[in-house]
Amino acid sequence: MVIITNYRLDEQGGFFFVKTSETSTCPVCVAFLAVRGLRQRVLIFEDGDIDKKEKLMIRRLFCSECNRIHHELPDCIVPYKRHCANTIIKLIERNPGKVSQNTAADYTPCGRDTVRRILSWWYAVAPYLAETYKTLMEKLNKPYDTKPSFKALVRAACNSSNWIFAKSISTRSATMSG
């Protein structure tokens, strides 16, 4: 995965095509990536009191050095999450601290169980993402922001090939009571 920040969404035939002028490099070996094709991705955007599903067409990129396929994701997408980054940010801001049974009782765009799963994932992965970000800033000799944004943390982990894929971080069975 590669996260991009400079992009636009062009609507064509019920799909939103992600268009960018950024040149992407492989997060594994830092070689330039060539476009291999497109892939559909459904993303749930918050729109008032309802969720709006949109179909995004994202580019598949191929690295000729390490022979890996990467997907070029706009920063409105969090890898392996259905809800957009802004919805997740709002959930985190409204529910600082630990997750409880009463978490997000007043938040309507997402169901209570969905909110609990997202927040459980976030509080499990946040220390790792923060440490990854800090390490990358030190390695690149850049000033370390002590309060990086959610999108900066996600982008740093993805673009450095440090995104974790563990299913045990947040699964339905782990967050459901009973």
N, C-alpha and C. Protein backbone atom coordinates (compact mmCIF):
# COMPACT_ATOMS: atom_id res chain seq x y z
N MET A 1 0.83 -1.18 0.00
CA MET A 1 0.00 0.00 0.00
C MET A 1 0.87 1.24 0.00
N VAL A 2 0.36 2.24 -0.69
CA VAL A 2 1.00 3.54 -0.72
C VAL A 2 -0.09 4.56 -0.50
N ILE A 3 0.09 5.45 0.47
CA ILE A 3 -0.90 6.49 0.75
C ILE A 3 -0.46 7.78 0.06
N ILE A 4 -1.39 8.42 -0.66
CA ILE A 4 -1.10 9.68 -1.34
C ILE A 4 -1.94 10.79 -0.72
N THR A 5 -1.43 12.02 -0.78
CA THR A 5 -2.16 13.15 -0.21
C THR A 5 -2.65 14.13 -1.27
N ASN A 6 -1.96 14.22 -2.39
CA ASN A 6 -2.35 15.15 -3.46
C ASN A 6 -3.10 14.37 -4.53
N TYR A 7 -4.41 14.48 -4.52
CA TYR A 7 -5.24 13.73 -5.46
C TYR A 7 -6.56 14.46 -5.65
N ARG A 8 -7.30 14.01 -6.62
CA ARG A 8 -8.67 14.47 -6.82
C ARG A 8 -9.52 13.26 -7.17
N LEU A 9 -10.80 13.35 -6.91
CA LEU A 9 -11.73 12.26 -7.23
C LEU A 9 -12.58 12.70 -8.41
N ASP A 10 -12.44 12.02 -9.54
CA ASP A 10 -13.22 12.31 -10.73
C ASP A 10 -14.32 11.28 -10.87
N GLU A 11 -15.58 11.75 -10.91
CA GLU A 11 -16.71 10.83 -11.03
C GLU A 11 -16.97 10.50 -12.49
N GLN A 12 -17.09 9.20 -12.75
CA GLN A 12 -17.39 8.72 -14.10
C GLN A 12 -18.21 7.44 -13.98
N GLY A 13 -19.42 7.48 -14.45
CA GLY A 13 -20.27 6.29 -14.50
C GLY A 13 -20.53 5.64 -13.15
N GLY A 14 -20.72 6.42 -12.11
CA GLY A 14 -21.02 5.87 -10.78
C GLY A 14 -19.79 5.49 -9.97
N PHE A 15 -18.61 5.70 -10.52
CA PHE A 15 -17.36 5.41 -9.82
C PHE A 15 -16.58 6.71 -9.63
N PHE A 16 -15.78 6.76 -8.58
CA PHE A 16 -14.87 7.88 -8.37
C PHE A 16 -13.46 7.38 -8.65
N PHE A 17 -12.82 7.94 -9.67
CA PHE A 17 -11.45 7.57 -10.02
C PHE A 17 -10.50 8.47 -9.27
N VAL A 18 -9.54 7.87 -8.60
CA VAL A 18 -8.53 8.62 -7.85
C VAL A 18 -7.45 9.04 -8.83
N LYS A 19 -7.29 10.35 -9.03
CA LYS A 19 -6.31 10.90 -9.96
C LYS A 19 -5.25 11.64 -9.17
N THR A 20 -3.98 11.41 -9.50
CA THR A 20 -2.88 12.08 -8.81
C THR A 20 -1.73 12.35 -9.76
N SER A 21 -0.91 13.32 -9.37
CA SER A 21 0.31 13.59 -10.13
C SER A 21 1.53 13.15 -9.34
N GLU A 22 1.32 12.56 -8.16
CA GLU A 22 2.42 12.08 -7.33
C GLU A 22 3.08 10.87 -7.99
N THR A 23 4.39 10.79 -7.83
CA THR A 23 5.12 9.62 -8.28
C THR A 23 5.32 8.72 -7.08
N SER A 24 4.81 7.53 -7.14
CA SER A 24 4.88 6.61 -6.01
C SER A 24 6.10 5.72 -6.10
N THR A 25 6.68 5.47 -4.93
CA THR A 25 7.81 4.54 -4.85
C THR A 25 7.41 3.36 -3.98
N CYS A 26 8.05 2.25 -4.22
CA CYS A 26 7.76 1.02 -3.49
C CYS A 26 8.13 1.19 -2.02
N PRO A 27 7.23 0.88 -1.10
CA PRO A 27 7.57 0.98 0.32
C PRO A 27 8.54 -0.09 0.79
N VAL A 28 8.76 -1.12 -0.01
CA VAL A 28 9.66 -2.21 0.36
C VAL A 28 11.08 -1.92 -0.10
N CYS A 29 11.24 -1.57 -1.40
CA CYS A 29 12.60 -1.42 -1.95
C CYS A 29 12.89 -0.03 -2.51
N VAL A 30 11.93 0.88 -2.45
CA VAL A 30 12.05 2.28 -2.85
C VAL A 30 12.26 2.46 -4.37
N ALA A 31 11.91 1.48 -5.17
CA ALA A 31 11.96 1.61 -6.63
C ALA A 31 10.68 2.31 -7.11
N PHE A 32 10.72 2.87 -8.31
CA PHE A 32 9.53 3.51 -8.85
C PHE A 32 8.51 2.45 -9.24
N LEU A 33 7.24 2.80 -9.08
CA LEU A 33 6.15 1.87 -9.35
C LEU A 33 5.48 2.19 -10.67
N ALA A 34 5.11 1.16 -11.41
CA ALA A 34 4.40 1.31 -12.68
C ALA A 34 2.94 0.92 -12.48
N VAL A 35 2.05 1.61 -13.19
CA VAL A 35 0.62 1.31 -13.08
C VAL A 35 0.34 -0.03 -13.74
N ARG A 36 -0.35 -0.92 -13.01
CA ARG A 36 -0.66 -2.26 -13.51
C ARG A 36 -2.14 -2.39 -13.83
N GLY A 37 -2.98 -1.56 -13.25
CA GLY A 37 -4.42 -1.66 -13.49
C GLY A 37 -5.18 -0.89 -12.43
N LEU A 38 -6.49 -1.17 -12.35
CA LEU A 38 -7.36 -0.52 -11.38
C LEU A 38 -8.07 -1.56 -10.54
N ARG A 39 -8.51 -1.13 -9.37
CA ARG A 39 -9.24 -2.00 -8.47
C ARG A 39 -10.34 -1.19 -7.81
N GLN A 40 -11.50 -1.79 -7.65
CA GLN A 40 -12.62 -1.11 -7.00
C GLN A 40 -12.50 -1.23 -5.49
N ARG A 41 -12.83 -0.15 -4.79
CA ARG A 41 -12.83 -0.14 -3.34
C ARG A 41 -14.07 0.62 -2.88
N VAL A 42 -14.89 0.00 -2.04
CA VAL A 42 -16.08 0.66 -1.51
C VAL A 42 -15.68 1.35 -0.21
N LEU A 43 -16.07 2.60 -0.08
CA LEU A 43 -15.74 3.39 1.11
C LEU A 43 -17.01 4.02 1.64
N ILE A 44 -17.19 3.97 2.94
CA ILE A 44 -18.37 4.55 3.58
C ILE A 44 -18.02 5.94 4.09
N PHE A 45 -18.68 6.94 3.52
CA PHE A 45 -18.50 8.32 3.94
C PHE A 45 -19.64 8.71 4.86
N GLU A 46 -19.34 9.50 5.85
CA GLU A 46 -20.38 10.03 6.72
C GLU A 46 -21.04 11.19 6.00
N ASP A 47 -22.36 11.18 5.95
CA ASP A 47 -23.10 12.26 5.31
C ASP A 47 -24.28 12.61 6.20
N GLY A 48 -24.03 13.44 7.21
CA GLY A 48 -25.08 13.79 8.15
C GLY A 48 -25.38 12.61 9.06
N ASP A 49 -26.65 12.17 9.08
CA ASP A 49 -27.05 11.07 9.94
C ASP A 49 -27.05 9.73 9.22
N ILE A 50 -26.62 9.70 7.97
CA ILE A 50 -26.60 8.43 7.24
C ILE A 50 -25.20 8.17 6.68
N ASP A 51 -24.95 6.93 6.35
CA ASP A 51 -23.70 6.57 5.70
C ASP A 51 -23.95 6.53 4.20
N LYS A 52 -22.98 7.00 3.45
CA LYS A 52 -23.07 7.00 2.00
C LYS A 52 -21.92 6.17 1.47
N LYS A 53 -22.24 5.09 0.75
CA LYS A 53 -21.21 4.24 0.18
C LYS A 53 -20.86 4.75 -1.21
N GLU A 54 -19.57 4.89 -1.43
CA GLU A 54 -19.07 5.32 -2.73
C GLU A 54 -18.09 4.28 -3.25
N LYS A 55 -18.08 4.10 -4.56
CA LYS A 55 -17.15 3.17 -5.19
C LYS A 55 -15.98 3.96 -5.75
N LEU A 56 -14.80 3.70 -5.21
CA LEU A 56 -13.58 4.34 -5.66
C LEU A 56 -12.79 3.37 -6.52
N MET A 57 -12.19 3.89 -7.57
CA MET A 57 -11.29 3.09 -8.40
C MET A 57 -9.87 3.53 -8.07
N ILE A 58 -9.11 2.62 -7.48
CA ILE A 58 -7.74 2.94 -7.08
C ILE A 58 -6.77 2.21 -8.00
N ARG A 59 -5.58 2.79 -8.14
CA ARG A 59 -4.59 2.20 -9.04
C ARG A 59 -3.84 1.06 -8.36
N ARG A 60 -3.59 0.01 -9.14
CA ARG A 60 -2.71 -1.08 -8.73
C ARG A 60 -1.35 -0.76 -9.32
N LEU A 61 -0.33 -0.79 -8.49
CA LEU A 61 1.01 -0.45 -8.93
C LEU A 61 1.93 -1.66 -8.79
N PHE A 62 2.84 -1.80 -9.75
CA PHE A 62 3.74 -2.94 -9.76
C PHE A 62 5.18 -2.47 -9.61
N CYS A 63 5.92 -3.14 -8.75
CA CYS A 63 7.34 -2.86 -8.57
C CYS A 63 8.15 -3.91 -9.34
N SER A 64 8.92 -3.46 -10.30
CA SER A 64 9.70 -4.40 -11.10
C SER A 64 10.94 -4.89 -10.37
N GLU A 65 11.33 -4.24 -9.29
CA GLU A 65 12.50 -4.67 -8.51
C GLU A 65 12.17 -5.84 -7.58
N CYS A 66 11.09 -5.70 -6.79
CA CYS A 66 10.75 -6.75 -5.83
C CYS A 66 9.52 -7.57 -6.26
N ASN A 67 8.95 -7.25 -7.43
CA ASN A 67 7.81 -7.98 -8.00
C ASN A 67 6.58 -8.00 -7.10
N ARG A 68 6.32 -6.90 -6.44
CA ARG A 68 5.14 -6.80 -5.57
C ARG A 68 4.12 -5.86 -6.18
N ILE A 69 2.86 -6.13 -5.84
CA ILE A 69 1.75 -5.25 -6.23
C ILE A 69 1.39 -4.40 -5.01
N HIS A 70 1.22 -3.10 -5.24
CA HIS A 70 0.80 -2.18 -4.19
C HIS A 70 -0.44 -1.44 -4.67
N HIS A 71 -1.28 -1.03 -3.75
CA HIS A 71 -2.44 -0.23 -4.09
C HIS A 71 -2.19 1.20 -3.65
N GLU A 72 -2.53 2.13 -4.51
CA GLU A 72 -2.33 3.55 -4.23
C GLU A 72 -3.62 4.09 -3.62
N LEU A 73 -3.60 4.35 -2.33
CA LEU A 73 -4.79 4.78 -1.61
C LEU A 73 -4.74 6.27 -1.31
N PRO A 74 -5.84 6.99 -1.53
CA PRO A 74 -5.88 8.38 -1.09
C PRO A 74 -5.94 8.43 0.44
N ASP A 75 -5.54 9.55 1.04
CA ASP A 75 -5.48 9.61 2.49
C ASP A 75 -6.85 9.64 3.17
N CYS A 76 -7.92 9.63 2.39
CA CYS A 76 -9.26 9.52 2.99
C CYS A 76 -9.59 8.07 3.33
N ILE A 77 -8.74 7.14 2.89
CA ILE A 77 -8.93 5.71 3.15
C ILE A 77 -7.94 5.25 4.21
N VAL A 78 -8.43 4.48 5.17
CA VAL A 78 -7.57 3.81 6.13
C VAL A 78 -7.51 2.36 5.67
N PRO A 79 -6.31 1.81 5.49
CA PRO A 79 -6.21 0.43 5.00
C PRO A 79 -7.02 -0.56 5.84
N TYR A 80 -7.76 -1.39 5.15
CA TYR A 80 -8.56 -2.46 5.73
C TYR A 80 -9.71 -1.96 6.61
N LYS A 81 -10.11 -0.72 6.44
CA LYS A 81 -11.28 -0.17 7.14
C LYS A 81 -12.29 0.27 6.11
N ARG A 82 -13.56 0.08 6.39
CA ARG A 82 -14.62 0.45 5.45
C ARG A 82 -15.00 1.92 5.57
N HIS A 83 -14.90 2.46 6.79
CA HIS A 83 -15.29 3.86 7.01
C HIS A 83 -14.13 4.77 6.65
N CYS A 84 -14.45 5.98 6.18
CA CYS A 84 -13.42 6.92 5.76
C CYS A 84 -12.63 7.42 6.96
N ALA A 85 -11.47 7.98 6.67
CA ALA A 85 -10.58 8.46 7.73
C ALA A 85 -11.24 9.53 8.58
N ASN A 86 -12.03 10.42 7.98
CA ASN A 86 -12.67 11.49 8.75
C ASN A 86 -13.67 10.94 9.76
N THR A 87 -14.38 9.89 9.42
CA THR A 87 -15.30 9.27 10.37
C THR A 87 -14.53 8.67 11.54
N ILE A 88 -13.42 8.00 11.25
CA ILE A 88 -12.61 7.40 12.30
C ILE A 88 -12.01 8.48 13.20
N ILE A 89 -11.57 9.58 12.60
CA ILE A 89 -11.02 10.70 13.38
C ILE A 89 -12.09 11.25 14.32
N LYS A 90 -13.31 11.43 13.82
CA LYS A 90 -14.40 11.94 14.67
C LYS A 90 -14.69 10.98 15.82
N LEU A 91 -14.67 9.68 15.56
CA LEU A 91 -14.90 8.70 16.62
C LEU A 91 -13.83 8.80 17.70
N ILE A 92 -12.58 8.94 17.28
CA ILE A 92 -11.48 9.03 18.24
C ILE A 92 -11.60 10.31 19.06
N GLU A 93 -11.93 11.42 18.41
CA GLU A 93 -12.05 12.70 19.11
C GLU A 93 -13.22 12.69 20.10
N ARG A 94 -14.31 12.03 19.75
CA ARG A 94 -15.49 11.99 20.63
C ARG A 94 -15.35 10.98 21.76
N ASN A 95 -14.42 10.06 21.63
CA ASN A 95 -14.27 8.99 22.62
C ASN A 95 -12.81 8.84 23.05
N PRO A 96 -12.24 9.87 23.69
CA PRO A 96 -10.86 9.73 24.13
C PRO A 96 -10.77 8.73 25.28
N GLY A 97 -9.71 7.98 25.31
CA GLY A 97 -9.54 7.01 26.39
C GLY A 97 -9.93 5.62 25.97
N LYS A 98 -10.33 4.83 26.93
CA LYS A 98 -10.63 3.42 26.68
C LYS A 98 -12.06 3.23 26.17
N VAL A 99 -12.28 2.07 25.60
CA VAL A 99 -13.58 1.69 25.05
C VAL A 99 -14.40 1.04 26.15
N SER A 100 -15.68 1.42 26.25
CA SER A 100 -16.56 0.83 27.25
C SER A 100 -17.87 0.40 26.61
N GLN A 101 -18.73 -0.19 27.38
CA GLN A 101 -20.03 -0.63 26.87
C GLN A 101 -20.87 0.55 26.40
N ASN A 102 -20.70 1.73 27.01
CA ASN A 102 -21.50 2.90 26.66
C ASN A 102 -20.84 3.77 25.60
N THR A 103 -19.78 3.30 25.00
CA THR A 103 -19.06 4.09 24.00
C THR A 103 -19.96 4.43 22.83
N ALA A 104 -19.95 5.69 22.49
CA ALA A 104 -20.63 6.21 21.30
C ALA A 104 -22.12 5.93 21.26
N ALA A 105 -22.79 6.02 22.40
CA ALA A 105 -24.22 5.79 22.43
C ALA A 105 -24.97 6.85 21.63
N ASP A 106 -24.38 8.06 21.47
CA ASP A 106 -25.05 9.15 20.77
C ASP A 106 -24.58 9.33 19.33
N TYR A 107 -23.73 8.45 18.85
CA TYR A 107 -23.18 8.62 17.50
C TYR A 107 -23.99 7.79 16.53
N THR A 108 -24.73 8.43 15.63
CA THR A 108 -25.67 7.73 14.77
C THR A 108 -25.12 7.18 13.45
N PRO A 109 -24.13 7.81 12.79
CA PRO A 109 -23.71 7.27 11.49
C PRO A 109 -23.16 5.85 11.54
N CYS A 110 -22.63 5.43 12.67
CA CYS A 110 -22.12 4.07 12.82
C CYS A 110 -22.90 3.38 13.93
N GLY A 111 -23.06 2.09 13.80
CA GLY A 111 -23.67 1.33 14.87
C GLY A 111 -22.73 1.25 16.06
N ARG A 112 -23.27 0.97 17.21
CA ARG A 112 -22.48 0.91 18.44
C ARG A 112 -21.37 -0.13 18.36
N ASP A 113 -21.67 -1.31 17.79
CA ASP A 113 -20.64 -2.35 17.68
C ASP A 113 -19.53 -1.94 16.72
N THR A 114 -19.90 -1.27 15.64
CA THR A 114 -18.89 -0.79 14.69
C THR A 114 -17.98 0.22 15.36
N VAL A 115 -18.56 1.13 16.11
CA VAL A 115 -17.77 2.14 16.83
C VAL A 115 -16.82 1.45 17.80
N ARG A 116 -17.31 0.47 18.54
CA ARG A 116 -16.45 -0.24 19.50
C ARG A 116 -15.31 -0.97 18.80
N ARG A 117 -15.58 -1.59 17.65
CA ARG A 117 -14.52 -2.28 16.91
C ARG A 117 -13.46 -1.30 16.41
N ILE A 118 -13.90 -0.18 15.85
CA ILE A 118 -12.96 0.81 15.35
C ILE A 118 -12.11 1.37 16.49
N LEU A 119 -12.74 1.72 17.60
CA LEU A 119 -11.99 2.27 18.72
C LEU A 119 -11.07 1.23 19.37
N SER A 120 -11.51 -0.01 19.43
CA SER A 120 -10.64 -1.07 19.96
C SER A 120 -9.41 -1.22 19.09
N TRP A 121 -9.62 -1.19 17.78
CA TRP A 121 -8.49 -1.26 16.86
C TRP A 121 -7.55 -0.08 17.09
N TRP A 122 -8.11 1.14 17.16
CA TRP A 122 -7.29 2.33 17.30
C TRP A 122 -6.45 2.30 18.58
N TYR A 123 -7.06 2.00 19.71
CA TYR A 123 -6.31 2.03 20.98
C TYR A 123 -5.29 0.89 21.06
N ALA A 124 -5.48 -0.16 20.28
CA ALA A 124 -4.48 -1.23 20.24
C ALA A 124 -3.30 -0.86 19.34
N VAL A 125 -3.57 -0.16 18.24
CA VAL A 125 -2.54 0.11 17.24
C VAL A 125 -1.89 1.50 17.39
N ALA A 126 -2.50 2.41 18.09
CA ALA A 126 -1.98 3.79 18.20
C ALA A 126 -0.56 3.87 18.74
N PRO A 127 -0.20 3.15 19.81
CA PRO A 127 1.20 3.24 20.28
C PRO A 127 2.20 2.76 19.23
N TYR A 128 1.86 1.72 18.51
CA TYR A 128 2.74 1.21 17.45
C TYR A 128 2.91 2.25 16.34
N LEU A 129 1.79 2.85 15.89
CA LEU A 129 1.86 3.84 14.82
C LEU A 129 2.67 5.06 15.25
N ALA A 130 2.49 5.49 16.50
CA ALA A 130 3.23 6.65 17.01
C ALA A 130 4.73 6.36 17.06
N GLU A 131 5.09 5.18 17.50
CA GLU A 131 6.51 4.81 17.57
C GLU A 131 7.11 4.66 16.18
N THR A 132 6.34 4.12 15.23
CA THR A 132 6.80 4.01 13.85
C THR A 132 7.05 5.40 13.27
N TYR A 133 6.13 6.31 13.52
CA TYR A 133 6.27 7.69 13.03
C TYR A 133 7.51 8.35 13.63
N LYS A 134 7.69 8.20 14.93
CA LYS A 134 8.84 8.80 15.61
C LYS A 134 10.16 8.25 15.06
N THR A 135 10.22 6.95 14.86
CA THR A 135 11.42 6.31 14.33
C THR A 135 11.74 6.80 12.93
N LEU A 136 10.71 6.94 12.08
CA LEU A 136 10.93 7.43 10.72
C LEU A 136 11.42 8.87 10.71
N MET A 137 10.87 9.70 11.57
CA MET A 137 11.30 11.10 11.63
C MET A 137 12.77 11.18 12.07
N GLU A 138 13.15 10.37 13.04
CA GLU A 138 14.55 10.35 13.49
C GLU A 138 15.47 9.85 12.38
N LYS A 139 15.04 8.81 11.68
CA LYS A 139 15.84 8.23 10.60
C LYS A 139 16.04 9.22 9.45
N LEU A 140 15.02 10.03 9.18
CA LEU A 140 15.09 11.01 8.09
C LEU A 140 15.61 12.37 8.54
N ASN A 141 16.00 12.47 9.81
CA ASN A 141 16.50 13.73 10.40
C ASN A 141 15.52 14.88 10.22
N LYS A 142 14.24 14.58 10.43
CA LYS A 142 13.19 15.59 10.35
C LYS A 142 12.69 15.88 11.77
N PRO A 143 12.17 17.09 11.98
CA PRO A 143 11.65 17.40 13.31
C PRO A 143 10.45 16.52 13.63
N TYR A 144 10.44 16.01 14.84
CA TYR A 144 9.37 15.11 15.28
C TYR A 144 8.23 15.92 15.88
N ASP A 145 7.04 15.75 15.31
CA ASP A 145 5.83 16.38 15.83
C ASP A 145 5.30 15.48 16.94
N THR A 146 5.22 16.00 18.16
CA THR A 146 4.79 15.17 19.29
C THR A 146 3.32 14.81 19.23
N LYS A 147 2.53 15.54 18.45
CA LYS A 147 1.11 15.24 18.28
C LYS A 147 0.79 15.12 16.79
N PRO A 148 1.32 14.08 16.11
CA PRO A 148 1.03 13.95 14.67
C PRO A 148 -0.44 13.63 14.45
N SER A 149 -0.93 14.02 13.29
CA SER A 149 -2.34 13.75 12.97
C SER A 149 -2.54 12.26 12.69
N PHE A 150 -3.78 11.85 12.75
CA PHE A 150 -4.15 10.47 12.46
C PHE A 150 -3.67 10.08 11.05
N LYS A 151 -3.93 10.96 10.08
CA LYS A 151 -3.55 10.67 8.70
C LYS A 151 -2.04 10.59 8.54
N ALA A 152 -1.29 11.40 9.29
CA ALA A 152 0.18 11.35 9.22
C ALA A 152 0.69 10.02 9.76
N LEU A 153 0.08 9.52 10.84
CA LEU A 153 0.48 8.23 11.40
C LEU A 153 0.22 7.10 10.42
N VAL A 154 -0.96 7.11 9.82
CA VAL A 154 -1.34 6.06 8.87
C VAL A 154 -0.43 6.10 7.64
N ARG A 155 -0.19 7.30 7.12
CA ARG A 155 0.66 7.43 5.94
C ARG A 155 2.09 6.96 6.22
N ALA A 156 2.64 7.35 7.36
CA ALA A 156 4.01 6.96 7.70
C ALA A 156 4.14 5.44 7.78
N ALA A 157 3.18 4.78 8.42
CA ALA A 157 3.25 3.32 8.56
C ALA A 157 3.10 2.62 7.20
N CYS A 158 2.18 3.09 6.38
CA CYS A 158 1.95 2.45 5.07
C CYS A 158 3.11 2.68 4.12
N ASN A 159 3.55 3.92 4.01
CA ASN A 159 4.58 4.24 3.03
C ASN A 159 5.96 3.75 3.42
N SER A 160 6.12 3.26 4.64
CA SER A 160 7.40 2.68 5.06
C SER A 160 7.32 1.16 5.14
N SER A 161 6.20 0.60 4.68
CA SER A 161 5.96 -0.84 4.72
C SER A 161 5.93 -1.39 6.14
N ASN A 162 5.42 -0.59 7.07
CA ASN A 162 5.31 -0.99 8.47
C ASN A 162 3.86 -1.14 8.93
N TRP A 163 2.93 -1.21 8.00
CA TRP A 163 1.52 -1.39 8.37
C TRP A 163 1.35 -2.80 8.90
N ILE A 164 0.65 -2.95 10.02
CA ILE A 164 0.46 -4.27 10.60
C ILE A 164 -0.90 -4.82 10.17
N PHE A 165 -0.93 -6.10 9.88
CA PHE A 165 -2.12 -6.75 9.34
C PHE A 165 -2.76 -7.73 10.29
N ALA A 166 -2.39 -7.69 11.55
CA ALA A 166 -2.83 -8.70 12.50
C ALA A 166 -4.34 -8.70 12.66
N LYS A 167 -4.95 -9.85 12.42
CA LYS A 167 -6.39 -9.98 12.63
C LYS A 167 -6.74 -9.91 14.11
N SER A 168 -5.81 -10.26 14.96
CA SER A 168 -6.09 -10.28 16.39
C SER A 168 -6.19 -8.90 17.01
N ILE A 169 -5.83 -7.85 16.25
CA ILE A 169 -5.91 -6.51 16.81
C ILE A 169 -7.36 -6.14 17.10
N SER A 170 -8.24 -6.38 16.16
CA SER A 170 -9.64 -6.06 16.38
C SER A 170 -10.50 -6.96 15.50
N THR A 171 -11.13 -7.91 16.10
CA THR A 171 -12.04 -8.78 15.37
C THR A 171 -13.42 -8.66 15.98
N ARG A 172 -14.40 -9.11 15.27
CA ARG A 172 -15.76 -9.06 15.81
C ARG A 172 -15.86 -9.85 17.11
N SER A 173 -15.27 -11.03 17.14
CA SER A 173 -15.39 -11.87 18.35
C SER A 173 -14.67 -11.26 19.53
N ALA A 174 -13.61 -10.49 19.27
CA ALA A 174 -12.84 -9.91 20.37
C ALA A 174 -13.57 -8.73 20.99
N THR A 175 -14.46 -8.06 20.24
CA THR A 175 -15.12 -6.87 20.76
C THR A 175 -16.56 -7.13 21.17
N MET A 176 -17.11 -8.29 20.86
CA MET A 176 -18.48 -8.60 21.23
C MET A 176 -18.50 -9.21 22.63
N SER A 177 -19.46 -8.80 23.40
CA SER A 177 -19.56 -9.35 24.75
C SER A 177 -20.30 -10.66 24.74
N GLY A 178 -20.03 -11.47 25.73
CA GLY A 178 -20.80 -12.71 25.86
C GLY A 178 -19.99 -13.85 25.66
